[in-house]
Protein backbone atom coordinates (compact mmCIF):
# COMPACT_ATOMS: atom_id res chain seq x y z
CA MET A 1 0.00 0.00 0.00
CA THR A 2 1.34 3.48 -0.87
CA HIS A 3 0.43 6.77 0.77
CA THR A 4 1.83 9.25 -1.76
CA SER A 5 -1.09 11.69 -1.34
CA LEU A 6 -0.57 12.18 2.40
CA THR A 7 0.64 15.46 3.82
CA PRO A 8 4.25 15.07 4.95
CA PRO A 9 4.63 14.72 8.72
CA PRO A 10 6.11 17.63 10.72
CA ARG A 11 9.90 17.62 10.73
CA SER A 12 10.93 20.98 12.25
CA SER A 13 12.40 21.17 15.75
CA ALA A 14 11.59 24.07 18.08
CA ASN A 15 15.08 23.85 19.63
CA PRO A 16 17.02 25.42 21.16
CA ALA A 17 15.14 25.86 24.42
CA PRO A 18 14.07 29.44 25.14
CA VAL A 19 16.09 31.50 27.57
CA ARG A 20 14.73 30.97 31.09
CA PRO A 21 12.28 33.76 31.95
CA ALA A 22 12.78 35.78 35.13
CA GLY A 23 10.62 34.55 37.99
CA SER A 24 10.43 30.96 36.75
CA ILE A 25 11.19 27.39 37.70
CA ARG A 26 12.48 24.98 35.08
CA ARG A 27 12.52 21.21 35.41
CA THR A 28 14.69 19.41 32.91
CA ALA A 29 14.81 15.63 32.71
CA SER A 30 16.55 13.21 30.40
CA ILE A 31 17.24 9.53 29.94
CA ASP A 32 20.23 8.58 27.79
CA VAL A 33 20.40 4.98 26.57
CA SER A 34 23.52 3.20 25.36
CA TRP A 35 24.56 -0.35 24.47
CA PRO A 36 27.91 -1.00 26.20
CA ASP A 37 28.02 -4.58 24.88
CA GLY A 38 26.67 -3.87 21.40
CA VAL A 39 23.26 -4.12 19.78
CA ASN A 40 22.61 -7.61 21.15
CA GLY A 41 23.55 -6.66 24.70
CA ASP A 42 21.66 -5.04 27.56
CA ARG A 43 20.84 -1.34 27.50
CA LEU A 44 22.23 1.13 30.01
CA PHE A 45 19.73 3.82 31.05
CA GLN A 46 21.22 6.99 32.58
CA GLY A 47 18.63 9.44 33.87
CA ARG A 48 19.10 12.95 35.21
CA ALA A 49 16.62 15.56 36.40
CA ARG A 50 16.96 19.04 37.86
CA ASP A 51 14.71 21.83 39.21
CA TYR A 52 16.28 25.24 38.58
CA LEU A 53 15.01 28.55 39.93
CA THR A 54 15.48 31.80 38.03
CA PRO A 55 14.70 34.74 40.37
CA ALA A 56 12.35 37.55 39.37
CA SER A 57 15.27 39.91 39.81
CA GLY A 58 17.00 38.27 36.88
CA GLY A 59 19.98 37.39 39.06
CA PRO A 60 21.86 34.07 39.06
CA GLY A 61 19.70 30.98 39.23
CA ARG A 62 20.16 28.03 41.56
CA VAL A 63 19.34 24.34 41.75
CA LEU A 64 16.48 23.52 44.15
CA ASP A 65 16.23 19.77 43.65
CA GLY A 66 17.55 16.98 41.47
CA ALA A 67 17.90 13.26 40.95
CA SER A 68 19.82 10.69 38.94
CA MET A 69 19.09 7.10 37.98
CA GLU A 70 20.95 4.24 36.32
CA ALA A 71 19.37 0.99 35.16
CA THR A 72 20.33 -2.08 33.14
CA ILE A 73 17.47 -3.24 30.91
CA ASP A 74 17.45 -6.12 28.44
CA PHE A 75 15.99 -6.45 24.93
CA GLU A 76 12.69 -7.66 26.39
CA LYS A 77 12.46 -4.47 28.54
CA LEU A 78 13.22 -6.41 31.75
CA ILE A 79 14.85 -4.28 34.47
CA LYS A 80 17.89 -6.30 35.62
CA ALA A 81 19.47 -3.71 37.95
CA ILE A 82 18.76 -0.16 39.10
CA SER A 83 20.23 2.52 41.36
CA ALA A 84 19.30 6.13 42.02
CA TYR A 85 20.29 9.23 43.93
CA PRO A 86 18.56 9.89 46.19
CA GLU A 87 17.57 6.24 46.46
CA PRO A 88 14.17 5.49 48.02
CA ALA A 89 13.92 2.45 50.27
CA ALA A 90 11.65 0.48 47.91
CA LEU A 91 13.49 1.19 44.67
CA GLN A 92 14.71 -2.40 44.25
CA SER A 93 11.08 -3.55 44.00
CA VAL A 94 11.16 -2.58 40.31
CA VAL A 95 13.97 -5.05 39.52
CA GLY A 96 12.43 -7.93 37.56
CA GLN A 97 9.63 -5.73 36.19
CA ARG A 98 9.25 -4.92 32.51
CA GLY A 99 8.84 -1.47 31.08
CA GLY A 100 5.15 -0.79 30.37
CA ASN A 101 1.96 0.19 32.11
CA HIS A 102 2.47 -2.55 34.70
CA LEU A 103 5.72 -0.89 35.74
CA ARG A 104 3.90 2.38 36.29
CA MET A 105 1.41 0.54 38.49
CA VAL A 106 4.29 -0.90 40.54
CA LEU A 107 5.75 2.59 40.93
CA ARG A 108 2.42 3.90 42.25
CA GLU A 109 2.10 1.02 44.69
CA GLN A 110 5.70 0.71 45.91
CA LEU A 111 6.96 4.30 45.66
CA PRO A 112 3.87 6.46 46.26
CA GLU A 113 5.82 9.16 48.08
CA LEU A 114 7.69 10.02 44.88
CA LEU A 115 4.43 10.49 43.04
CA THR A 116 2.65 12.53 45.71
CA THR A 117 5.59 14.87 46.31
CA GLY A 118 6.40 15.46 42.64
CA ALA A 119 9.96 14.22 43.18
CA PRO A 120 12.25 14.60 40.13
CA LEU A 121 13.17 10.91 40.41
CA TYR A 122 9.59 9.86 39.76
CA LEU A 123 9.61 11.47 36.31
CA LEU A 124 12.73 9.47 35.40
CA LEU A 125 11.28 6.18 36.64
CA ASP A 126 7.94 6.83 34.93
CA ASP A 127 9.78 7.41 31.64
CA ILE A 128 11.48 4.01 31.67
CA SER A 129 8.45 2.43 29.99
CA GLY A 130 8.33 4.78 27.01
CA VAL A 131 12.08 4.85 26.54
CA ALA A 132 12.36 1.07 26.69
CA LEU A 133 9.81 0.87 23.86
CA VAL A 134 11.33 3.35 21.42
CA SER A 135 15.06 3.53 22.16
CA ALA A 136 16.12 0.75 19.74
CA TRP A 137 15.22 3.16 16.93
CA ALA A 138 18.59 4.82 17.57
CA PHE A 139 20.36 2.05 15.64
CA ALA A 140 18.54 3.11 12.48
CA GLN A 141 20.88 6.12 12.44
CA TRP A 142 23.95 3.87 12.38
CA ASP A 143 22.79 0.93 10.26
CA PRO A 144 21.41 1.82 6.79
CA GLU A 145 19.82 -1.63 6.66
CA TRP A 146 18.33 -1.48 10.15
CA SER A 147 14.87 -2.58 8.96
CA LYS A 148 16.44 -5.65 7.35
CA THR A 149 18.46 -6.28 10.52
CA ILE A 150 15.25 -6.23 12.56
CA ARG A 151 13.64 -8.67 10.12
CA GLU A 152 16.57 -11.06 10.52
CA ARG A 153 16.58 -10.73 14.31
CA ILE A 154 12.85 -11.28 14.78
CA PRO A 155 11.19 -14.32 13.14
CA LYS A 156 8.53 -13.48 10.56
CA ASP A 157 5.66 -14.85 12.62
CA GLN A 158 6.73 -12.72 15.61
CA MET A 159 7.14 -9.65 13.41
CA ASP A 160 3.69 -10.15 11.88
CA LYS A 161 2.22 -10.55 15.36
CA MET A 162 4.02 -7.41 16.58
CA MET A 163 2.77 -5.34 13.64
CA ALA A 164 -0.78 -6.63 14.20
CA GLN A 165 -0.57 -5.70 17.88
CA ARG A 166 0.39 -2.12 16.94
CA GLU A 167 -2.93 -1.59 15.15
CA GLY A 168 -5.10 0.81 17.12
CA VAL A 169 -2.45 1.50 19.76
CA CYS A 170 -2.63 5.21 18.96
CA TRP A 171 -4.07 7.72 16.51
CA GLY A 172 -1.19 7.32 14.06
CA LEU A 173 -1.55 3.53 14.01
CA LYS A 174 -5.24 3.31 13.23
CA PRO A 175 -6.18 0.65 10.64
CA GLY A 176 -5.01 1.60 7.17
CA ASN A 177 -2.53 4.22 8.32
CA SER A 178 0.98 4.40 6.89
CA GLY A 179 2.66 3.57 10.20
CA LEU A 180 1.41 -0.01 9.93
CA GLN A 181 3.20 -0.63 6.63
CA PHE A 182 6.55 -2.24 7.53
CA SER A 183 9.17 -1.87 4.83
CA GLU A 184 12.82 -2.80 4.50
CA GLU A 185 13.35 0.14 2.14
CA PRO A 186 15.20 3.25 3.41
CA SER A 187 12.86 5.74 5.06
CA ASP A 188 13.01 9.38 6.13
CA VAL A 189 11.37 8.49 9.45
CA GLY A 190 13.58 9.71 12.26
CA THR A 191 15.82 11.86 10.05
CA ALA A 192 14.66 15.33 11.19
CA ASP A 193 17.35 17.61 12.61
CA ALA A 194 16.91 17.56 16.40
CA LYS A 195 19.01 20.72 16.75
CA GLU A 196 20.73 21.62 20.01
CA LEU A 197 18.69 21.60 23.23
CA ARG A 198 20.94 24.07 25.00
CA ASN A 199 20.54 27.74 24.09
CA PRO A 200 23.92 29.47 23.63
CA ALA A 201 22.43 32.53 25.34
CA ASP A 202 21.46 30.43 28.38
CA PRO A 203 24.17 27.84 29.14
CA GLU A 204 22.61 27.03 32.53
CA GLY A 205 19.27 26.24 30.93
CA TRP A 206 19.90 22.46 30.94
CA HIS A 207 21.59 20.00 33.23
CA GLU A 208 24.66 18.16 31.97
CA PHE A 209 24.26 15.05 29.82
CA PRO A 210 26.45 11.93 29.95
CA VAL A 211 29.11 11.64 27.25
CA ILE A 212 28.41 8.58 25.09
CA ILE A 213 30.42 7.53 22.02
CA GLY A 214 28.53 5.63 19.33
CA PRO A 215 24.85 4.68 19.06
CA SER A 216 22.65 6.08 21.81
CA PHE A 217 19.19 7.46 22.44
CA ARG A 218 17.92 10.39 24.49
CA ARG A 219 14.48 11.34 25.78
CA ALA A 220 14.63 14.94 26.97
CA ARG A 221 11.97 17.00 28.73
CA ARG A 222 11.71 20.64 29.72
CA ILE A 223 8.93 22.20 31.81
CA ASP A 224 9.00 25.98 32.42
CA VAL A 225 6.51 27.32 34.97
CA THR A 226 5.75 30.95 35.83
CA ARG A 227 3.02 32.53 37.95
CA ASP A 228 0.87 35.43 36.78
CA ASP A 229 -0.57 36.46 40.14
CA GLU A 230 -2.40 39.44 38.70
CA ALA A 231 -4.36 37.17 36.37
CA GLY A 232 -4.45 34.27 38.86
CA LEU A 233 -2.72 31.96 36.40
CA ILE A 234 0.04 29.41 36.21
CA ARG A 235 1.69 29.58 32.79
CA ILE A 236 3.44 26.52 31.35
CA ASP A 237 5.79 26.05 28.42
CA ALA A 238 6.95 22.45 27.99
CA ALA A 239 8.85 20.40 25.44
CA PHE A 240 9.44 16.69 24.78
CA GLN A 241 11.89 15.13 22.33
CA ASP A 242 13.23 11.68 21.42
CA SER A 243 16.54 11.86 19.57
CA SER A 244 19.75 10.07 18.65
CA PRO A 245 23.22 11.16 17.58
CA THR A 246 24.19 10.44 13.98
CA PRO A 247 27.54 9.13 12.70
CA ALA A 248 28.01 12.36 10.74
CA GLY A 249 27.55 14.51 13.86
CA GLY A 250 24.53 16.33 15.19
CA ARG A 251 21.36 14.58 16.25
CA ALA A 252 18.22 13.26 14.55
CA ALA A 253 14.80 13.27 16.19
CA ILE A 254 11.82 10.97 15.76
CA HIS A 255 9.35 12.61 18.19
CA GLU A 256 9.03 16.18 19.40
CA TYR A 257 6.13 18.11 20.91
CA ARG A 258 5.87 21.60 22.34
CA LEU A 259 3.11 22.38 24.86
CA ALA A 260 1.76 25.73 26.04
CA ALA A 261 -0.86 25.75 28.79
CA THR A 262 -2.43 27.81 31.54
CA ALA A 263 -4.05 26.67 34.76
CA ASP A 264 -5.97 28.44 37.51
CA ALA A 265 -3.44 29.23 40.23
CA ASP A 266 -5.89 28.34 43.02
CA THR A 267 -7.92 25.40 41.68
CA LEU A 268 -5.27 24.02 39.27
CA GLU A 269 -7.98 23.69 36.61
CA ILE A 270 -6.55 23.51 33.09
CA LEU A 271 -7.84 26.58 31.24
CA THR A 272 -5.94 26.42 27.95
CA LEU A 273 -3.88 23.71 26.30
CA GLU A 274 -2.03 24.19 23.02
CA PRO A 275 0.07 21.23 21.86
CA GLU A 276 2.26 21.69 18.81
CA ALA A 277 3.52 18.70 16.82
CA ARG A 278 7.08 19.53 15.76
CA ILE A 279 8.54 16.17 14.68
CA LEU A 280 6.59 12.93 14.18
CA PRO A 281 7.23 9.77 12.15
CA PHE A 282 4.03 9.39 10.12
CA SER A 283 1.70 11.72 8.25
CA GLU A 284 -1.38 10.82 10.27
CA CYS A 285 0.25 11.34 13.70
CA PRO A 286 -0.56 15.07 14.20
CA GLY A 287 -4.30 14.33 13.99
CA ALA A 288 -4.33 13.39 17.67
CA VAL A 289 -3.65 16.96 18.76
CA HIS A 290 -7.25 18.17 18.56
CA ASN A 291 -8.46 15.56 21.07
CA THR A 292 -6.34 17.14 23.80
CA GLN A 293 -9.07 19.74 24.30
CA ARG A 294 -10.93 17.04 26.21
CA LEU A 295 -8.54 17.81 29.06
CA ILE A 296 -9.73 21.41 29.45
CA GLY A 297 -11.39 21.77 32.85
CA ALA A 298 -9.48 18.89 34.44
CA ARG A 299 -7.16 19.58 37.37
CA ILE A 300 -3.58 19.55 36.20
CA SER A 301 -2.63 17.47 39.23
CA ASP A 302 -4.94 14.74 37.88
CA ILE A 303 -3.65 14.86 34.32
CA ARG A 304 -1.97 11.44 34.36
CA ASN A 305 -5.32 9.77 35.08
CA GLU A 306 -7.21 12.12 32.74
CA VAL A 307 -4.92 11.35 29.82
CA LEU A 308 -5.52 7.64 30.36
CA ALA A 309 -9.28 8.17 30.52
CA GLN A 310 -9.70 10.71 27.71
CA LEU A 311 -6.93 9.86 25.23
CA ARG A 312 -6.65 6.09 25.40
CA GLY A 313 -5.64 4.09 22.32
CA PRO A 314 -6.55 5.61 18.94
CA LEU A 315 -7.95 8.75 20.61
CA GLY A 316 -4.42 9.88 21.43
CA CYS A 317 -0.78 9.74 20.41
CA THR A 318 1.49 7.65 22.62
CA HIS A 319 4.20 10.30 22.65
CA LEU A 320 1.85 13.25 22.99
CA ASN A 321 0.28 11.44 25.93
CA ASP A 322 3.74 11.05 27.46
CA ALA A 323 4.35 14.77 26.99
CA LEU A 324 0.99 15.61 28.59
CA ARG A 325 1.34 13.25 31.55
CA ALA A 326 4.48 15.03 32.69
CA LEU A 327 2.45 18.20 33.31
CA ALA A 328 1.42 16.53 36.57
CA GLU A 329 4.78 17.89 37.82
CA VAL A 330 3.52 21.48 37.51
CA PRO A 331 1.89 21.83 40.99
CA LYS A 332 5.22 20.94 42.62
CA LEU A 333 7.05 23.43 40.42
CA ALA A 334 4.50 26.20 40.91
CA GLY A 335 4.75 25.66 44.65
CA TYR A 336 8.40 26.70 44.55
CA LEU A 337 7.40 30.06 43.15
CA ARG A 338 5.14 31.00 46.07
CA THR A 339 8.07 31.51 48.42
CA THR A 340 11.34 31.52 46.50
CA VAL A 341 10.91 33.38 43.23
CA SER A 342 12.17 36.76 44.47
CA ALA A 343 15.03 35.30 46.51
């Protein structure tokens, strides 16, 4: 089946990140994945997160909170080992779990304090599931015949089953859509220029990333929060990107969203929500954006549950949903600004 009449998918990054506004808090989070023992070996996940205050005075910013995480995860998404700083007492309960919705349930049950306090570590642990699913794409940047390699690695009956299971998973994979057409031919999927996250005019705008030589993958998030007390609003500017370095230098991205939103400062009700699809793999993917308006009126602190209820399966985009779910961190971030923004 060919899809030559489809509108090309978005392939334009919004990077670099904007300069931090005065009187703001910025949370950045990333997971970098590498393969120390090669493509057939386990994956090393290195996560970092940081909350950074920029005073209203425009003076030097400072770190308010942070976390790091390291995990060894196999091809089947099984967590074989994990450590973190700070390390919660029940962290080792996730060893033996597989990345996916079940892992997120385990996190809620075993590490509820991370969720309820908006701890930076929770965002890293929550992202294991999505990163475990998509990170193998990074090898497509280094192996021109990656699709053929996948075919050889996975028996045909398993591949057919996997492709059938993808149908209806999200808006872009509805029956008949181009994303369900597996091909061994070269593709422009995942070739968009990811650009540089860090803004040269704002070198402190991001935490440091691990140095990795060779194939790797990065999921990076940014959430900027400001308070407009005169209007009684919390203003949010967020970004989400999945990318990989390329052998020629630079980085390529396969997913990127930008989100602008406002919430009532007292009730935390979502008042406006404007997602922008910047980079996506398939032509049909951006169609999920309009359904996000179902979240208007929900409390931003409940957005993880609301996304699951309102944008499940073909009503949403897996990666847009991941971008939206992270807005549950906003109440924690806005809370910083009540007492520290002018300091």
